[in-house]
Protein backbone atom coordinates (compact mmCIF):
# COMPACT_ATOMS: atom_id res chain seq x y z
CA UNK A 1 -146.36 -87.11 73.54
CA UNK A 2 -143.66 -84.99 74.73
CA UNK A 3 -140.38 -86.20 75.27
CA UNK A 4 -140.46 -85.48 79.20
CA UNK A 5 -144.26 -86.66 79.71
CA UNK A 6 -144.91 -89.61 82.12
CA UNK A 7 -147.76 -91.42 82.34
CA UNK A 8 -149.84 -88.95 84.00
CA UNK A 9 -151.61 -85.78 82.10
CA UNK A 10 -150.81 -82.57 83.24
CA UNK A 11 -153.27 -80.01 84.14
CA UNK A 12 -154.36 -77.84 80.99
CA UNK A 13 -153.71 -74.65 82.79
CA UNK A 14 -150.23 -75.72 84.19
CA UNK A 15 -149.68 -76.80 80.41
CA UNK A 16 -150.68 -73.40 79.21
CA UNK A 17 -148.61 -71.50 81.66
CA UNK A 18 -145.28 -73.53 81.03
CA UNK A 19 -145.21 -73.98 77.29
CA UNK A 20 -145.09 -71.77 74.46
CA UNK A 21 -142.87 -68.78 75.33
CA UNK A 22 -140.04 -70.87 77.01
CA UNK A 23 -137.51 -69.63 74.23
CA UNK A 24 -138.45 -65.77 74.74
CA UNK A 25 -138.35 -66.27 78.47
CA UNK A 26 -135.11 -67.94 78.39
CA UNK A 27 -133.47 -65.45 75.93
CA UNK A 28 -134.52 -62.66 78.41
CA UNK A 29 -133.37 -64.80 81.45
CA UNK A 30 -130.14 -65.89 80.02
CA UNK A 31 -128.05 -63.09 80.85
CA UNK A 32 -129.14 -63.06 84.58
CA UNK A 33 -128.24 -66.80 84.63
CA UNK A 34 -124.70 -66.35 83.57
CA UNK A 35 -123.88 -63.42 85.99
CA UNK A 36 -125.23 -65.71 88.52
CA UNK A 37 -122.93 -68.55 87.51
CA UNK A 38 -119.91 -66.08 87.67
CA UNK A 39 -120.84 -65.09 90.96
CA UNK A 40 -121.39 -68.95 91.96
CA UNK A 41 -117.93 -70.21 90.59
CA UNK A 42 -116.10 -67.36 92.46
CA UNK A 43 -117.70 -68.44 95.49
CA UNK A 44 -116.64 -71.84 94.93
CA UNK A 45 -113.18 -71.00 94.29
CA UNK A 46 -113.43 -68.91 97.47
CA UNK A 47 -114.01 -71.99 99.71
CA UNK A 48 -111.64 -74.45 97.90
CA UNK A 49 -113.82 -76.35 95.61
CA UNK A 50 -112.40 -74.90 92.60
CA UNK A 51 -108.95 -73.93 91.77
CA UNK A 52 -107.55 -70.65 90.72
CA UNK A 53 -107.10 -72.40 87.08
CA UNK A 54 -110.41 -73.87 87.08
CA UNK A 55 -111.91 -70.73 87.89
CA UNK A 56 -110.15 -68.54 84.92
CA UNK A 57 -111.40 -71.14 82.37
CA UNK A 58 -115.01 -71.08 83.67
CA UNK A 59 -115.02 -67.48 83.85
CA UNK A 60 -113.76 -67.23 80.43
CA UNK A 61 -116.20 -69.73 79.03
CA UNK A 62 -119.06 -67.95 81.08
CA UNK A 63 -117.94 -64.21 79.60
CA UNK A 64 -117.90 -65.82 75.97
CA UNK A 65 -121.42 -66.97 76.35
CA UNK A 66 -122.48 -63.83 78.09
CA UNK A 67 -120.85 -62.02 74.90
CA UNK A 68 -123.09 -64.32 72.38
CA UNK A 69 -126.11 -63.36 74.43
């Protein structure tokens, strides 16, 4: 039983499609996810939901993650 499994079994087709290459797909998509997050936090700062300091901290963290990928 998987950690996220509920009391209903999933279709084998869905299981085959969604399980197996997760790590490979995550590694491929990770840089794009970080770039999207960078754009998103800039928007949040521009509408006043993040301060400039918060934006700078988040940008630094995300840029470090991007380098590691």
